[in-house]
N, C-alpha and C. Protein backbone atom coordinates (compact mmCIF):
# COMPACT_ATOMS: atom_id res chain seq x y z
N MET A 1 -10.12 25.89 -1.21
CA MET A 1 -10.48 26.28 -0.05
C MET A 1 -9.56 26.56 1.11
N LYS A 2 -9.96 27.77 1.94
CA LYS A 2 -8.92 28.25 2.98
C LYS A 2 -9.20 27.47 3.87
N THR A 3 -7.85 26.80 4.84
CA THR A 3 -8.45 26.18 6.08
C THR A 3 -7.83 26.94 7.13
N LYS A 4 -8.61 26.89 8.22
CA LYS A 4 -7.98 27.64 9.53
C LYS A 4 -7.37 26.72 10.59
N THR A 5 -6.14 27.05 11.07
CA THR A 5 -5.80 26.25 12.24
C THR A 5 -5.75 26.67 13.18
N ILE A 6 -6.27 26.26 14.10
CA ILE A 6 -6.50 26.50 15.76
C ILE A 6 -5.45 25.80 16.67
N THR A 7 -4.69 26.48 17.20
CA THR A 7 -3.56 25.76 17.92
C THR A 7 -3.74 26.54 19.42
N GLY A 8 -3.43 25.60 20.41
CA GLY A 8 -3.21 26.16 21.71
C GLY A 8 -3.29 24.70 22.61
N ASN A 9 -3.40 24.77 23.54
CA ASN A 9 -3.26 23.85 24.76
C ASN A 9 -4.44 23.63 25.72
N ILE A 10 -5.05 22.45 25.89
CA ILE A 10 -5.87 22.03 26.77
C ILE A 10 -5.51 21.71 28.11
N LYS A 11 -6.43 22.12 29.33
CA LYS A 11 -5.93 21.41 30.37
C LYS A 11 -6.64 20.44 30.72
N LEU A 12 -6.05 19.36 30.69
CA LEU A 12 -6.24 17.87 31.39
C LEU A 12 -7.39 18.04 32.37
N PRO A 13 -8.66 17.24 32.26
CA PRO A 13 -9.61 17.45 33.38
C PRO A 13 -9.37 16.25 34.37
N LYS A 14 -9.53 16.06 35.38
CA LYS A 14 -9.55 15.30 36.49
C LYS A 14 -10.24 14.33 36.20
N ASN A 15 -11.41 14.05 35.31
CA ASN A 15 -12.25 13.05 35.49
C ASN A 15 -11.55 12.28 34.17
N LYS A 16 -11.42 11.03 34.62
CA LYS A 16 -10.90 9.87 33.74
C LYS A 16 -11.63 9.66 32.35
N LYS A 17 -12.99 9.52 32.49
CA LYS A 17 -13.62 9.47 31.14
C LYS A 17 -13.39 10.57 30.00
N LEU A 18 -13.37 11.65 30.63
CA LEU A 18 -13.25 12.93 29.64
C LEU A 18 -11.72 12.93 29.10
N CYS A 19 -10.93 12.48 30.05
CA CYS A 19 -9.70 12.61 29.57
C CYS A 19 -9.39 11.65 28.60
N ARG A 20 -10.18 10.46 28.60
CA ARG A 20 -9.96 9.53 27.69
C ARG A 20 -10.68 9.76 26.39
N LEU A 21 -11.79 10.49 26.49
CA LEU A 21 -12.83 10.94 25.60
C LEU A 21 -11.45 11.91 24.42
N TYR A 22 -10.68 12.72 25.66
CA TYR A 22 -9.93 14.10 24.81
C TYR A 22 -8.93 13.25 23.73
N ARG A 23 -8.46 12.05 24.62
CA ARG A 23 -7.33 11.23 24.05
C ARG A 23 -7.78 10.74 22.54
N GLN A 24 -8.63 10.19 22.75
CA GLN A 24 -9.35 9.45 21.70
C GLN A 24 -9.53 10.32 20.46
N LEU A 25 -10.05 11.38 20.87
CA LEU A 25 -10.71 12.70 19.90
C LEU A 25 -9.39 12.95 19.03
N GLY A 26 -8.06 13.12 19.96
CA GLY A 26 -6.93 13.53 19.03
C GLY A 26 -6.52 12.88 18.29
N GLU A 27 -6.65 11.42 18.72
CA GLU A 27 -5.95 10.28 17.65
C GLU A 27 -7.01 10.11 16.64
N PHE A 28 -8.46 10.27 16.72
CA PHE A 28 -8.85 10.62 15.35
C PHE A 28 -8.62 11.61 14.40
N ALA A 29 -8.43 12.79 15.17
CA ALA A 29 -7.89 13.71 14.34
C ALA A 29 -6.25 13.38 13.45
N GLU A 30 -5.71 13.09 14.15
CA GLU A 30 -4.32 12.69 13.54
C GLU A 30 -4.59 11.57 12.37
N ASN A 31 -5.55 10.54 12.70
CA ASN A 31 -5.67 9.46 11.55
C ASN A 31 -6.37 10.13 10.43
N THR A 32 -7.24 10.89 10.62
CA THR A 32 -7.95 11.49 9.56
C THR A 32 -6.96 12.77 8.71
N ASP A 33 -6.25 12.92 9.40
CA ASP A 33 -5.23 13.84 8.42
C ASP A 33 -4.76 13.26 7.74
N ARG A 34 -3.86 11.89 7.94
CA ARG A 34 -2.88 11.27 7.11
C ARG A 34 -3.48 10.77 6.08
N LEU A 35 -2.57 10.29 5.23
CA LEU A 35 -2.72 9.55 3.95
C LEU A 35 -3.02 8.44 3.80
N PRO A 36 -3.83 7.49 3.26
CA PRO A 36 -3.64 5.66 3.32
C PRO A 36 -2.44 5.59 2.49
N ASP A 37 -1.72 4.27 3.24
CA ASP A 37 -0.68 3.61 2.84
C ASP A 37 -1.16 2.67 1.33
N ALA A 38 -0.20 2.56 0.61
CA ALA A 38 -0.81 1.57 -0.32
C ALA A 38 -1.42 0.27 -0.11
N TYR A 39 -0.97 -0.53 0.83
CA TYR A 39 -2.06 -1.44 1.04
C TYR A 39 -3.32 -1.70 1.48
N GLN A 40 -3.52 -0.14 2.24
CA GLN A 40 -4.96 0.17 2.71
C GLN A 40 -5.94 0.43 1.53
N VAL A 41 -4.88 1.14 0.23
CA VAL A 41 -5.82 1.32 -1.01
C VAL A 41 -6.34 0.07 -1.52
N LYS A 42 -5.10 -0.57 -1.84
CA LYS A 42 -5.51 -1.86 -2.33
C LYS A 42 -6.44 -2.80 -1.61
N LYS A 43 -6.44 -2.84 -0.36
CA LYS A 43 -7.31 -3.49 0.69
C LYS A 43 -8.45 -2.98 0.34
N ASN A 44 -9.05 -1.68 0.17
CA ASN A 44 -10.44 -1.16 0.16
C ASN A 44 -10.78 -0.60 -1.33
N PRO A 45 -11.15 -1.48 -2.02
CA PRO A 45 -11.51 -0.82 -3.28
C PRO A 45 -12.91 0.11 -3.21
N ASN A 46 -12.86 0.85 -4.06
CA ASN A 46 -14.32 1.88 -4.46
C ASN A 46 -15.31 0.68 -4.34
N SER A 47 -16.38 1.28 -3.67
CA SER A 47 -17.68 0.41 -3.52
C SER A 47 -18.76 1.33 -3.76
N SER A 48 -20.10 1.14 -4.23
CA SER A 48 -21.17 1.89 -4.05
C SER A 48 -21.58 2.23 -2.77
N ALA A 49 -22.53 2.99 -2.28
CA ALA A 49 -23.03 3.19 -1.40
C ALA A 49 -23.80 2.45 -0.48
N PRO A 50 -24.17 1.65 0.50
CA PRO A 50 -25.24 0.74 0.78
C PRO A 50 -27.08 1.46 0.37
N LEU A 51 -27.82 1.00 -0.14
CA LEU A 51 -29.12 1.35 0.08
C LEU A 51 -29.71 2.39 0.79
N GLU A 52 -29.55 1.75 1.92
CA GLU A 52 -29.87 2.18 3.48
C GLU A 52 -29.32 4.02 3.37
N LEU A 53 -28.26 3.83 2.79
CA LEU A 53 -27.52 5.60 2.95
C LEU A 53 -28.07 6.31 1.89
N LEU A 54 -28.69 5.97 1.00
CA LEU A 54 -29.18 6.63 -0.23
C LEU A 54 -30.12 7.70 0.11
N PRO A 55 -30.89 7.99 1.07
CA PRO A 55 -31.79 8.98 1.27
C PRO A 55 -30.69 10.34 1.74
N MET A 56 -29.77 9.68 2.56
CA MET A 56 -28.75 10.66 2.75
C MET A 56 -27.92 11.48 2.09
N VAL A 57 -27.47 10.63 0.87
CA VAL A 57 -26.76 11.45 -0.06
C VAL A 57 -27.48 12.32 -0.76
N PHE A 58 -29.16 12.06 -1.56
CA PHE A 58 -29.99 12.82 -1.88
C PHE A 58 -30.77 13.70 -1.22
């Protein structure tokens, strides 16, 4: 699958709540991009999805 990278700068808003939201979004994007380390892999073994999520899967 071909990925598309969008680069650029955003102007920080004067609204503090919106500024915090942008910062949290950036941190989330960085965390999803990195691979888990060995400790995290051992700590979270694979498990089945909860029954409540079954309709979402199928």
